[in-house]
């Protein structure tokens, strides 16, 4: 999980944006509606929020603020959250979130 999360934090670098923006990603809801999300579910939910926030950015300063908040969040995550086992479906969901986040970061960063 540490490697996947490190990828999430580092993924906001430059690069060529995809030809079209990736589709929004739906993160499955936790089975217990009133229970707080933990482990991988909490990480995916928070990453989805950062991705949505990034995709609302219209310029580089906004993208940089979201990137800084996401980096801070990642640095403050307890080791128990980072050590959670990630299944194949969760890894695919995280990958799709990161693809979308990167596209939105690149798009917003292109505008001063």
PDB file of N, CA and C in Angstrom:
ATOM      1  N   UNK A   1       0.828  -1.190   0.000  1.00  0.00           N
ATOM      2  CA  UNK A   1       0.000   0.000   0.000  1.00  0.00           C
ATOM      3  C   UNK A   1       0.865   1.243   0.000  1.00  0.00           C
ATOM      4  N   UNK A   2       1.987   1.215   0.734  1.00  0.00           N
ATOM      5  CA  UNK A   2       2.849   2.397   0.771  1.00  0.00           C
ATOM      6  C   UNK A   2       3.282   2.779  -0.639  1.00  0.00           C
ATOM      7  N   UNK A   3       3.590   1.785  -1.455  1.00  0.00           N
ATOM      8  CA  UNK A   3       4.034   2.071  -2.818  1.00  0.00           C
ATOM      9  C   UNK A   3       2.916   2.711  -3.626  1.00  0.00           C
ATOM     10  N   UNK A   4       1.692   2.200  -3.476  1.00  0.00           N
ATOM     11  CA  UNK A   4       0.570   2.775  -4.215  1.00  0.00           C
ATOM     12  C   UNK A   4       0.294   4.199  -3.756  1.00  0.00           C
ATOM     13  N   UNK A   5       0.366   4.415  -2.429  1.00  0.00           N
ATOM     14  CA  UNK A   5       0.089   5.749  -1.954  1.00  0.00           C
ATOM     15  C   UNK A   5       1.203   6.712  -2.333  1.00  0.00           C
ATOM     16  N   UNK A   6       2.435   6.239  -2.280  1.00  0.00           N
ATOM     17  CA  UNK A   6       3.550   7.078  -2.709  1.00  0.00           C
ATOM     18  C   UNK A   6       3.359   7.472  -4.168  1.00  0.00           C
ATOM     19  N   UNK A   7       2.859   6.535  -4.964  1.00  0.00           N
ATOM     20  CA  UNK A   7       2.565   6.819  -6.365  1.00  0.00           C
ATOM     21  C   UNK A   7       1.501   7.900  -6.464  1.00  0.00           C
ATOM     22  N   UNK A   8       0.504   7.836  -5.593  1.00  0.00           N
ATOM     23  CA  UNK A   8      -0.566   8.834  -5.615  1.00  0.00           C
ATOM     24  C   UNK A   8      -0.031  10.223  -5.332  1.00  0.00           C
ATOM     25  N   UNK A   9       0.849  10.312  -4.358  1.00  0.00           N
ATOM     26  CA  UNK A   9       1.398  11.612  -3.988  1.00  0.00           C
ATOM     27  C   UNK A   9       2.343  12.122  -5.078  1.00  0.00           C
ATOM     28  N   UNK A  10       3.157  11.243  -5.626  1.00  0.00           N
ATOM     29  CA  UNK A  10       4.136  11.651  -6.635  1.00  0.00           C
ATOM     30  C   UNK A  10       3.506  11.851  -8.002  1.00  0.00           C
ATOM     31  N   UNK A  11       2.299  11.358  -8.184  1.00  0.00           N
ATOM     32  CA  UNK A  11       1.690  11.336  -9.510  1.00  0.00           C
ATOM     33  C   UNK A  11       1.290  12.701 -10.028  1.00  0.00           C
ATOM     34  N   UNK A  12       1.350  13.707  -9.222  1.00  0.00           N
ATOM     35  CA  UNK A  12       0.916  15.027  -9.659  1.00  0.00           C
ATOM     36  C   UNK A  12       1.986  15.781 -10.423  1.00  0.00           C
ATOM     37  N   UNK A  13       3.005  15.083 -10.878  1.00  0.00           N
ATOM     38  CA  UNK A  13       4.065  15.717 -11.656  1.00  0.00           C
ATOM     39  C   UNK A  13       3.589  16.077 -13.044  1.00  0.00           C
ATOM     40  N   UNK A  14       4.505  16.524 -13.856  1.00  0.00           N
ATOM     41  CA  UNK A  14       4.161  16.939 -15.216  1.00  0.00           C
ATOM     42  C   UNK A  14       3.842  15.763 -16.104  1.00  0.00           C
ATOM     43  N   UNK A  15       4.015  15.933 -17.363  1.00  0.00           N
ATOM     44  CA  UNK A  15       3.700  14.879 -18.319  1.00  0.00           C
ATOM     45  C   UNK A  15       2.632  15.344 -19.271  1.00  0.00           C
ATOM     46  N   UNK A  16       2.415  14.578 -20.280  1.00  0.00           N
ATOM     47  CA  UNK A  16       1.407  14.905 -21.272  1.00  0.00           C
ATOM     48  C   UNK A  16       0.041  14.432 -20.801  1.00  0.00           C
ATOM     49  N   UNK A  17      -0.980  15.300 -20.824  1.00  0.00           N
ATOM     50  CA  UNK A  17      -2.310  14.859 -20.432  1.00  0.00           C
ATOM     51  C   UNK A  17      -2.877  13.907 -21.483  1.00  0.00           C
ATOM     52  N   UNK A  18      -3.744  12.981 -21.061  1.00  0.00           N
ATOM     53  CA  UNK A  18      -4.381  12.097 -22.024  1.00  0.00           C
ATOM     54  C   UNK A  18      -5.214  12.911 -23.008  1.00  0.00           C
ATOM     55  N   UNK A  19      -5.543  12.324 -24.148  1.00  0.00           N
ATOM     56  CA  UNK A  19      -6.300  13.017 -25.182  1.00  0.00           C
ATOM     57  C   UNK A  19      -7.645  13.496 -24.655  1.00  0.00           C
ATOM     58  N   UNK A  20      -8.306  12.700 -23.830  1.00  0.00           N
ATOM     59  CA  UNK A  20      -9.569  13.118 -23.241  1.00  0.00           C
ATOM     60  C   UNK A  20      -9.523  12.790 -21.756  1.00  0.00           C
ATOM     61  N   UNK A  21     -10.277  13.545 -20.958  1.00  0.00           N
ATOM     62  CA  UNK A  21     -10.211  13.302 -19.517  1.00  0.00           C
ATOM     63  C   UNK A  21     -10.780  11.928 -19.172  1.00  0.00           C
ATOM     64  N   UNK A  22     -10.138  11.242 -18.230  1.00  0.00           N
ATOM     65  CA  UNK A  22     -10.689   9.971 -17.785  1.00  0.00           C
ATOM     66  C   UNK A  22     -12.048  10.195 -17.133  1.00  0.00           C
ATOM     67  N   UNK A  23     -12.892   9.199 -17.196  1.00  0.00           N
ATOM     68  CA  UNK A  23     -14.224   9.295 -16.608  1.00  0.00           C
ATOM     69  C   UNK A  23     -14.125   9.377 -15.092  1.00  0.00           C
ATOM     70  N   UNK A  24     -15.077  10.056 -14.454  1.00  0.00           N
ATOM     71  CA  UNK A  24     -15.095  10.082 -13.001  1.00  0.00           C
ATOM     72  C   UNK A  24     -15.143   8.662 -12.447  1.00  0.00           C
ATOM     73  N   UNK A  25     -14.547   8.486 -11.292  1.00  0.00           N
ATOM     74  CA  UNK A  25     -14.470   7.173 -10.661  1.00  0.00           C
ATOM     75  C   UNK A  25     -15.448   7.122  -9.505  1.00  0.00           C
ATOM     76  N   UNK A  26     -16.212   6.052  -9.430  1.00  0.00           N
ATOM     77  CA  UNK A  26     -17.144   5.866  -8.328  1.00  0.00           C
ATOM     78  C   UNK A  26     -16.487   4.961  -7.304  1.00  0.00           C
ATOM     79  N   UNK A  27     -16.319   5.480  -6.098  1.00  0.00           N
ATOM     80  CA  UNK A  27     -15.750   4.693  -5.010  1.00  0.00           C
ATOM     81  C   UNK A  27     -16.905   4.023  -4.287  1.00  0.00           C
ATOM     82  N   UNK A  28     -16.876   2.682  -4.165  1.00  0.00           N
ATOM     83  CA  UNK A  28     -17.977   1.983  -3.498  1.00  0.00           C
ATOM     84  C   UNK A  28     -18.158   2.470  -2.060  1.00  0.00           C
ATOM     85  N   UNK A  29     -19.407   2.565  -1.660  1.00  0.00           N
ATOM     86  CA  UNK A  29     -19.712   2.995  -0.297  1.00  0.00           C
ATOM     87  C   UNK A  29     -19.416   1.864   0.681  1.00  0.00           C
ATOM     88  N   UNK A  30     -19.107   2.240   1.897  1.00  0.00           N
ATOM     89  CA  UNK A  30     -18.862   1.266   2.943  1.00  0.00           C
ATOM     90  C   UNK A  30     -20.188   0.593   3.306  1.00  0.00           C
ATOM     91  N   UNK A  31     -20.146  -0.691   3.661  1.00  0.00           N
ATOM     92  CA  UNK A  31     -21.358  -1.452   3.966  1.00  0.00           C
ATOM     93  C   UNK A  31     -22.118  -0.856   5.147  1.00  0.00           C
ATOM     94  N   UNK A  32     -21.426  -0.422   6.161  1.00  0.00           N
ATOM     95  CA  UNK A  32     -22.073   0.174   7.324  1.00  0.00           C
ATOM     96  C   UNK A  32     -22.143   1.677   7.106  1.00  0.00           C
ATOM     97  N   UNK A  33     -23.301   2.150   6.740  1.00  0.00           N
ATOM     98  CA  UNK A  33     -23.465   3.541   6.327  1.00  0.00           C
ATOM     99  C   UNK A  33     -23.031   4.523   7.412  1.00  0.00           C
ATOM    100  N   UNK A  34     -23.343   4.244   8.662  1.00  0.00           N
ATOM    101  CA  UNK A  34     -23.019   5.181   9.728  1.00  0.00           C
ATOM    102  C   UNK A  34     -21.611   5.004  10.288  1.00  0.00           C
ATOM    103  N   UNK A  35     -20.937   3.936   9.920  1.00  0.00           N
ATOM    104  CA  UNK A  35     -19.598   3.677  10.445  1.00  0.00           C
ATOM    105  C   UNK A  35     -18.576   4.516   9.678  1.00  0.00           C
ATOM    106  N   UNK A  36     -17.562   5.029  10.379  1.00  0.00           N
ATOM    107  CA  UNK A  36     -16.521   5.770   9.669  1.00  0.00           C
ATOM    108  C   UNK A  36     -15.717   4.824   8.783  1.00  0.00           C
ATOM    109  N   UNK A  37     -15.272   5.329   7.656  1.00  0.00           N
ATOM    110  CA  UNK A  37     -14.454   4.522   6.762  1.00  0.00           C
ATOM    111  C   UNK A  37     -13.069   4.350   7.369  1.00  0.00           C
ATOM    112  N   UNK A  38     -12.496   3.190   7.160  1.00  0.00           N
ATOM    113  CA  UNK A  38     -11.152   2.915   7.658  1.00  0.00           C
ATOM    114  C   UNK A  38     -10.348   2.220   6.579  1.00  0.00           C
ATOM    115  N   UNK A  39      -9.036   2.160   6.779  1.00  0.00           N
ATOM    116  CA  UNK A  39      -8.161   1.412   5.883  1.00  0.00           C
ATOM    117  C   UNK A  39      -8.253   1.887   4.443  1.00  0.00           C
ATOM    118  N   UNK A  40      -8.290   0.926   3.551  1.00  0.00           N
ATOM    119  CA  UNK A  40      -8.291   1.217   2.118  1.00  0.00           C
ATOM    120  C   UNK A  40      -9.528   2.027   1.723  1.00  0.00           C
ATOM    121  N   UNK A  41     -10.684   1.707   2.309  1.00  0.00           N
ATOM    122  CA  UNK A  41     -11.914   2.441   1.967  1.00  0.00           C
ATOM    123  C   UNK A  41     -11.771   3.923   2.280  1.00  0.00           C
ATOM    124  N   UNK A  42     -11.164   4.248   3.423  1.00  0.00           N
ATOM    125  CA  UNK A  42     -10.967   5.651   3.794  1.00  0.00           C
ATOM    126  C   UNK A  42      -9.998   6.344   2.846  1.00  0.00           C
ATOM    127  N   UNK A  43      -8.945   5.646   2.479  1.00  0.00           N
ATOM    128  CA  UNK A  43      -7.954   6.222   1.558  1.00  0.00           C
ATOM    129  C   UNK A  43      -8.585   6.476   0.189  1.00  0.00           C
ATOM    130  N   UNK A  44      -9.342   5.513  -0.310  1.00  0.00           N
ATOM    131  CA  UNK A  44      -9.996   5.691  -1.613  1.00  0.00           C
ATOM    132  C   UNK A  44     -10.998   6.839  -1.570  1.00  0.00           C
ATOM    133  N   UNK A  45     -11.761   6.932  -0.493  1.00  0.00           N
ATOM    134  CA  UNK A  45     -12.748   8.009  -0.382  1.00  0.00           C
ATOM    135  C   UNK A  45     -12.071   9.373  -0.357  1.00  0.00           C
ATOM    136  N   UNK A  46     -10.985   9.491   0.413  1.00  0.00           N
ATOM    137  CA  UNK A  46     -10.284  10.771   0.480  1.00  0.00           C
ATOM    138  C   UNK A  46      -9.606  11.097  -0.845  1.00  0.00           C
ATOM    139  N   UNK A  47      -9.038  10.088  -1.488  1.00  0.00           N
ATOM    140  CA  UNK A  47      -8.402  10.325  -2.791  1.00  0.00           C
ATOM    141  C   UNK A  47      -9.435  10.772  -3.815  1.00  0.00           C
ATOM    142  N   UNK A  48     -10.641  10.204  -3.740  1.00  0.00           N
ATOM    143  CA  UNK A  48     -11.715  10.619  -4.643  1.00  0.00           C
ATOM    144  C   UNK A  48     -12.080  12.086  -4.402  1.00  0.00           C
ATOM    145  N   UNK A  49     -12.093  12.513  -3.136  1.00  0.00           N
ATOM    146  CA  UNK A  49     -12.386  13.921  -2.822  1.00  0.00           C
ATOM    147  C   UNK A  49     -11.309  14.839  -3.393  1.00  0.00           C
ATOM    148  N   UNK A  50     -10.042  14.454  -3.201  1.00  0.00           N
ATOM    149  CA  UNK A  50      -8.961  15.273  -3.757  1.00  0.00           C
ATOM    150  C   UNK A  50      -9.043  15.316  -5.284  1.00  0.00           C
ATOM    151  N   UNK A  51      -9.372  14.202  -5.899  1.00  0.00           N
ATOM    152  CA  UNK A  51      -9.482  14.154  -7.359  1.00  0.00           C
ATOM    153  C   UNK A  51     -10.588  15.080  -7.835  1.00  0.00           C
ATOM    154  N   UNK A  52     -11.752  15.014  -7.188  1.00  0.00           N
ATOM    155  CA  UNK A  52     -12.864  15.897  -7.564  1.00  0.00           C
ATOM    156  C   UNK A  52     -12.492  17.362  -7.371  1.00  0.00           C
ATOM    157  N   UNK A  53     -11.815  17.653  -6.268  1.00  0.00           N
ATOM    158  CA  UNK A  53     -11.386  19.029  -6.000  1.00  0.00           C
ATOM    159  C   UNK A  53     -10.400  19.504  -7.073  1.00  0.00           C
ATOM    160  N   UNK A  54      -9.459  18.641  -7.434  1.00  0.00           N
ATOM    161  CA  UNK A  54      -8.479  18.992  -8.471  1.00  0.00           C
ATOM    162  C   UNK A  54      -9.182  19.263  -9.795  1.00  0.00           C
ATOM    163  N   UNK A  55     -10.179  18.464 -10.107  1.00  0.00           N
ATOM    164  CA  UNK A  55     -10.870  18.627 -11.390  1.00  0.00           C
ATOM    165  C   UNK A  55     -11.745  19.867 -11.433  1.00  0.00           C
ATOM    166  N   UNK A  56     -11.989  20.479 -10.289  1.00  0.00           N
ATOM    167  CA  UNK A  56     -12.706  21.761 -10.268  1.00  0.00           C
ATOM    168  C   UNK A  56     -11.757  22.943 -10.421  1.00  0.00           C
ATOM    169  N   UNK A  57     -10.449  22.701 -10.350  1.00  0.00           N
ATOM    170  CA  UNK A  57      -9.463  23.787 -10.465  1.00  0.00           C
ATOM    171  C   UNK A  57      -9.423  24.333 -11.885  1.00  0.00           C
ATOM    172  N   UNK A  58      -9.305  25.635 -11.966  1.00  0.00           N
ATOM    173  CA  UNK A  58      -9.251  26.294 -13.270  1.00  0.00           C
ATOM    174  C   UNK A  58      -7.884  26.893 -13.569  1.00  0.00           C
ATOM    175  N   UNK A  59      -6.952  26.800 -12.601  1.00  0.00           N
ATOM    176  CA  UNK A  59      -5.633  27.392 -12.824  1.00  0.00           C
ATOM    177  C   UNK A  59      -4.586  26.688 -11.957  1.00  0.00           C
ATOM    178  N   UNK A  60      -3.326  27.019 -12.232  1.00  0.00           N
ATOM    179  CA  UNK A  60      -2.202  26.383 -11.538  1.00  0.00           C
ATOM    180  C   UNK A  60      -2.197  26.644 -10.036  1.00  0.00           C
ATOM    181  N   UNK A  61      -2.465  27.867  -9.561  1.00  0.00           N
ATOM    182  CA  UNK A  61      -2.476  28.071  -8.110  1.00  0.00           C
ATOM    183  C   UNK A  61      -3.465  27.159  -7.380  1.00  0.00           C
ATOM    184  N   UNK A  62      -4.616  26.956  -7.962  1.00  0.00           N
ATOM    185  CA  UNK A  62      -5.605  26.056  -7.362  1.00  0.00           C
ATOM    186  C   UNK A  62      -5.065  24.623  -7.351  1.00  0.00           C
ATOM    187  N   UNK A  63      -4.526  24.173  -8.473  1.00  0.00           N
ATOM    188  CA  UNK A  63      -3.979  22.815  -8.557  1.00  0.00           C
ATOM    189  C   UNK A  63      -2.848  22.624  -7.552  1.00  0.00           C
ATOM    190  N   UNK A  64      -2.027  23.637  -7.380  1.00  0.00           N
ATOM    191  CA  UNK A  64      -0.934  23.551  -6.413  1.00  0.00           C
ATOM    192  C   UNK A  64      -1.457  23.459  -4.976  1.00  0.00           C
ATOM    193  N   UNK A  65      -2.546  24.195  -4.665  1.00  0.00           N
ATOM    194  CA  UNK A  65      -3.140  24.127  -3.328  1.00  0.00           C
ATOM    195  C   UNK A  65      -3.682  22.730  -3.043  1.00  0.00           C
ATOM    196  N   UNK A  66      -4.384  22.155  -4.013  1.00  0.00           N
ATOM    197  CA  UNK A  66      -4.932  20.807  -3.829  1.00  0.00           C
ATOM    198  C   UNK A  66      -3.796  19.801  -3.683  1.00  0.00           C
ATOM    199  N   UNK A  67      -2.779  19.940  -4.515  1.00  0.00           N
ATOM    200  CA  UNK A  67      -1.628  19.039  -4.446  1.00  0.00           C
ATOM    201  C   UNK A  67      -0.951  19.127  -3.073  1.00  0.00           C
ATOM    202  N   UNK A  68      -0.803  20.336  -2.547  1.00  0.00           N
ATOM    203  CA  UNK A  68      -0.180  20.515  -1.230  1.00  0.00           C
ATOM    204  C   UNK A  68      -1.033  19.884  -0.129  1.00  0.00           C
ATOM    205  N   UNK A  69      -2.349  20.066  -0.204  1.00  0.00           N
ATOM    206  CA  UNK A  69      -3.247  19.470   0.796  1.00  0.00           C
ATOM    207  C   UNK A  69      -3.201  17.948   0.729  1.00  0.00           C
ATOM    208  N   UNK A  70      -3.154  17.403  -0.478  1.00  0.00           N
ATOM    209  CA  UNK A  70      -3.096  15.958  -0.649  1.00  0.00           C
ATOM    210  C   UNK A  70      -1.777  15.404  -0.118  1.00  0.00           C
ATOM    211  N   UNK A  71      -0.693  16.105  -0.371  1.00  0.00           N
ATOM    212  CA  UNK A  71       0.615  15.672   0.117  1.00  0.00           C
ATOM    213  C   UNK A  71       0.645  15.691   1.646  1.00  0.00           C
ATOM    214  N   UNK A  72       0.119  16.753   2.235  1.00  0.00           N
ATOM    215  CA  UNK A  72       0.073  16.861   3.698  1.00  0.00           C
ATOM    216  C   UNK A  72      -0.756  15.725   4.283  1.00  0.00           C
ATOM    217  N   UNK A  73      -1.901  15.454   3.703  1.00  0.00           N
ATOM    218  CA  UNK A  73      -2.770  14.359   4.156  1.00  0.00           C
ATOM    219  C   UNK A  73      -2.008  13.038   4.111  1.00  0.00           C
ATOM    220  N   UNK A  74      -1.312  12.799   3.024  1.00  0.00           N
ATOM    221  CA  UNK A  74      -0.568  11.552   2.878  1.00  0.00           C
ATOM    222  C   UNK A  74       0.534  11.414   3.899  1.00  0.00           C
ATOM    223  N   UNK A  75       1.187  12.516   4.219  1.00  0.00           N
ATOM    224  CA  UNK A  75       2.264  12.479   5.199  1.00  0.00           C
ATOM    225  C   UNK A  75       1.739  12.260   6.612  1.00  0.00           C
ATOM    226  N   UNK A  76       0.500  12.641   6.858  1.00  0.00           N
ATOM    227  CA  UNK A  76      -0.082  12.514   8.187  1.00  0.00           C
ATOM    228  C   UNK A  76      -0.856  11.214   8.397  1.00  0.00           C
ATOM    229  N   UNK A  77      -0.992  10.411   7.351  1.00  0.00           N
ATOM    230  CA  UNK A  77      -1.722   9.147   7.502  1.00  0.00           C
ATOM    231  C   UNK A  77      -0.988   8.233   8.472  1.00  0.00           C
ATOM    232  N   UNK A  78      -1.723   7.618   9.400  1.00  0.00           N
ATOM    233  CA  UNK A  78      -1.065   6.675  10.311  1.00  0.00           C
ATOM    234  C   UNK A  78      -0.566   5.450   9.553  1.00  0.00           C
ATOM    235  N   UNK A  79       0.507   4.881  10.051  1.00  0.00           N
ATOM    236  CA  UNK A  79       1.096   3.700   9.406  1.00  0.00           C
ATOM    237  C   UNK A  79       0.075   2.585   9.267  1.00  0.00           C
ATOM    238  N   UNK A  80      -0.841   2.467  10.220  1.00  0.00           N
ATOM    239  CA  UNK A  80      -1.845   1.401  10.147  1.00  0.00           C
ATOM    240  C   UNK A  80      -2.723   1.550   8.908  1.00  0.00           C
ATOM    241  N   UNK A  81      -2.996   2.767   8.496  1.00  0.00           N
ATOM    242  CA  UNK A  81      -3.786   2.996   7.279  1.00  0.00           C
ATOM    243  C   UNK A  81      -2.963   2.654   6.038  1.00  0.00           C
ATOM    244  N   UNK A  82      -1.693   3.018   6.055  1.00  0.00           N
ATOM    245  CA  UNK A  82      -0.836   2.782   4.899  1.00  0.00           C
ATOM    246  C   UNK A  82      -0.509   1.304   4.709  1.00  0.00           C
ATOM    247  N   UNK A  83      -0.534   0.535   5.787  1.00  0.00           N
ATOM    248  CA  UNK A  83      -0.185  -0.875   5.706  1.00  0.00           C
ATOM    249  C   UNK A  83      -1.370  -1.769   5.353  1.00  0.00           C
ATOM    250  N   UNK A  84      -2.535  -1.187   5.125  1.00  0.00           N
ATOM    251  CA  UNK A  84      -3.717  -1.982   4.796  1.00  0.00           C
ATOM    252  C   UNK A  84      -3.486  -2.745   3.495  1.00  0.00           C
ATOM    253  N   UNK A  85      -4.013  -3.937   3.434  1.00  0.00           N
ATOM    254  CA  UNK A  85      -3.891  -4.764   2.226  1.00  0.00           C
ATOM    255  C   UNK A  85      -4.786  -4.183   1.134  1.00  0.00           C
ATOM    256  N   UNK A  86      -4.263  -4.109  -0.067  1.00  0.00           N
ATOM    257  CA  UNK A  86      -5.003  -3.564  -1.197  1.00  0.00           C
ATOM    258  C   UNK A  86      -5.326  -4.696  -2.159  1.00  0.00           C
ATOM    259  N   UNK A  87      -6.593  -4.891  -2.403  1.00  0.00           N
ATOM    260  CA  UNK A  87      -7.009  -5.896  -3.363  1.00  0.00           C
ATOM    261  C   UNK A  87      -6.912  -5.360  -4.782  1.00  0.00           C
ATOM    262  N   UNK A  88      -7.099  -6.255  -5.741  1.00  0.00           N
ATOM    263  CA  UNK A  88      -6.988  -5.895  -7.156  1.00  0.00           C
ATOM    264  C   UNK A  88      -7.990  -4.794  -7.531  1.00  0.00           C
ATOM    265  N   UNK A  89      -9.238  -4.947  -7.091  1.00  0.00           N
ATOM    266  CA  UNK A  89     -10.267  -3.959  -7.451  1.00  0.00           C
ATOM    267  C   UNK A  89      -9.926  -2.590  -6.868  1.00  0.00           C
ATOM    268  N   UNK A  90      -9.444  -2.559  -5.618  1.00  0.00           N
ATOM    269  CA  UNK A  90      -9.073  -1.280  -5.000  1.00  0.00           C
ATOM    270  C   UNK A  90      -7.888  -0.651  -5.721  1.00  0.00           C
ATOM    271  N   UNK A  91      -6.928  -1.476  -6.129  1.00  0.00           N
ATOM    272  CA  UNK A  91      -5.765  -0.963  -6.863  1.00  0.00           C
ATOM    273  C   UNK A  91      -6.205  -0.366  -8.195  1.00  0.00           C
ATOM    274  N   UNK A  92      -7.159  -1.008  -8.863  1.00  0.00           N
ATOM    275  CA  UNK A  92      -7.679  -0.464 -10.132  1.00  0.00           C
ATOM    276  C   UNK A  92      -8.413   0.847  -9.893  1.00  0.00           C
ATOM    277  N   UNK A  93      -9.189   0.908  -8.819  1.00  0.00           N
ATOM    278  CA  UNK A  93      -9.909   2.145  -8.496  1.00  0.00           C
ATOM    279  C   UNK A  93      -8.927   3.273  -8.218  1.00  0.00           C
ATOM    280  N   UNK A  94      -7.890   2.989  -7.421  1.00  0.00           N
ATOM    281  CA  UNK A  94      -6.873   4.002  -7.129  1.00  0.00           C
ATOM    282  C   UNK A  94      -6.184   4.441  -8.413  1.00  0.00           C
ATOM    283  N   UNK A  95      -5.854   3.511  -9.274  1.00  0.00           N
ATOM    284  CA  UNK A  95      -5.216   3.852 -10.547  1.00  0.00           C
ATOM    285  C   UNK A  95      -6.086   4.761 -11.397  1.00  0.00           C
ATOM    286  N   UNK A  96      -7.387   4.464 -11.447  1.00  0.00           N
ATOM    287  CA  UNK A  96      -8.306   5.304 -12.221  1.00  0.00           C
ATOM    288  C   UNK A  96      -8.423   6.692 -11.605  1.00  0.00           C
ATOM    289  N   UNK A  97      -8.456   6.760 -10.269  1.00  0.00           N
ATOM    290  CA  UNK A  97      -8.495   8.063  -9.604  1.00  0.00           C
ATOM    291  C   UNK A  97      -7.251   8.877  -9.937  1.00  0.00           C
ATOM    292  N   UNK A  98      -6.097   8.221  -9.899  1.00  0.00           N
ATOM    293  CA  UNK A  98      -4.839   8.927 -10.179  1.00  0.00           C
ATOM    294  C   UNK A  98      -4.756   9.378 -11.631  1.00  0.00           C
ATOM    295  N   UNK A  99      -5.253   8.563 -12.563  1.00  0.00           N
ATOM    296  CA  UNK A  99      -5.276   8.971 -13.966  1.00  0.00           C
ATOM    297  C   UNK A  99      -6.104  10.242 -14.125  1.00  0.00           C
ATOM    298  N   UNK A 100      -7.273  10.256 -13.503  1.00  0.00           N
ATOM    299  CA  UNK A 100      -8.153  11.415 -13.604  1.00  0.00           C
ATOM    300  C   UNK A 100      -7.524  12.625 -12.913  1.00  0.00           C
ATOM    301  N   UNK A 101      -6.960  12.422 -11.719  1.00  0.00           N
ATOM    302  CA  UNK A 101      -6.319  13.508 -10.985  1.00  0.00           C
ATOM    303  C   UNK A 101      -5.179  14.103 -11.807  1.00  0.00           C
ATOM    304  N   UNK A 102      -4.351  13.259 -12.392  1.00  0.00           N
ATOM    305  CA  UNK A 102      -3.222  13.741 -13.203  1.00  0.00           C
ATOM    306  C   UNK A 102      -3.698  14.540 -14.403  1.00  0.00           C
ATOM    307  N   UNK A 103      -4.735  14.055 -15.063  1.00  0.00           N
ATOM    308  CA  UNK A 103      -5.271  14.788 -16.217  1.00  0.00           C
ATOM    309  C   UNK A 103      -5.739  16.181 -15.773  1.00  0.00           C
ATOM    310  N   UNK A 104      -6.483  16.223 -14.673  1.00  0.00           N
ATOM    311  CA  UNK A 104      -6.994  17.506 -14.193  1.00  0.00           C
ATOM    312  C   UNK A 104      -5.864  18.420 -13.719  1.00  0.00           C
ATOM    313  N   UNK A 105      -4.841  17.842 -13.074  1.00  0.00           N
ATOM    314  CA  UNK A 105      -3.693  18.648 -12.640  1.00  0.00           C
ATOM    315  C   UNK A 105      -2.999  19.256 -13.849  1.00  0.00           C
ATOM    316  N   UNK A 106      -2.747  18.427 -14.870  1.00  0.00           N
ATOM    317  CA  UNK A 106      -2.064  18.917 -16.077  1.00  0.00           C
ATOM    318  C   UNK A 106      -2.885  20.004 -16.771  1.00  0.00           C
ATOM    319  N   UNK A 107      -4.199  19.817 -16.828  1.00  0.00           N
ATOM    320  CA  UNK A 107      -5.075  20.794 -17.481  1.00  0.00           C
ATOM    321  C   UNK A 107      -5.050  22.112 -16.723  1.00  0.00           C
ATOM    322  N   UNK A 108      -5.207  22.051 -15.395  1.00  0.00           N
ATOM    323  CA  UNK A 108      -5.220  23.284 -14.597  1.00  0.00           C
ATOM    324  C   UNK A 108      -3.858  23.957 -14.583  1.00  0.00           C
ATOM    325  N   UNK A 109      -2.791  23.154 -14.559  1.00  0.00           N
ATOM    326  CA  UNK A 109      -1.437  23.713 -14.499  1.00  0.00           C
ATOM    327  C   UNK A 109      -1.051  24.424 -15.788  1.00  0.00           C
ATOM    328  N   UNK A 110      -1.708  24.113 -16.860  1.00  0.00           N
ATOM    329  CA  UNK A 110      -1.415  24.762 -18.134  1.00  0.00           C
ATOM    330  C   UNK A 110      -1.960  26.202 -18.160  1.00  0.00           C
ATOM    331  N   UNK A 111      -2.805  26.537 -17.190  1.00  0.00           N
ATOM    332  CA  UNK A 111      -3.390  27.876 -17.128  1.00  0.00           C
ATOM    333  C   UNK A 111      -2.788  28.636 -15.953  1.00  0.00           C
ATOM    334  N   UNK A 112      -2.144  29.767 -16.231  1.00  0.00           N
ATOM    335  CA  UNK A 112      -1.476  30.532 -15.152  1.00  0.00           C
ATOM    336  C   UNK A 112      -2.437  31.071 -14.109  1.00  0.00           C
TER     337      UNK A 112
END
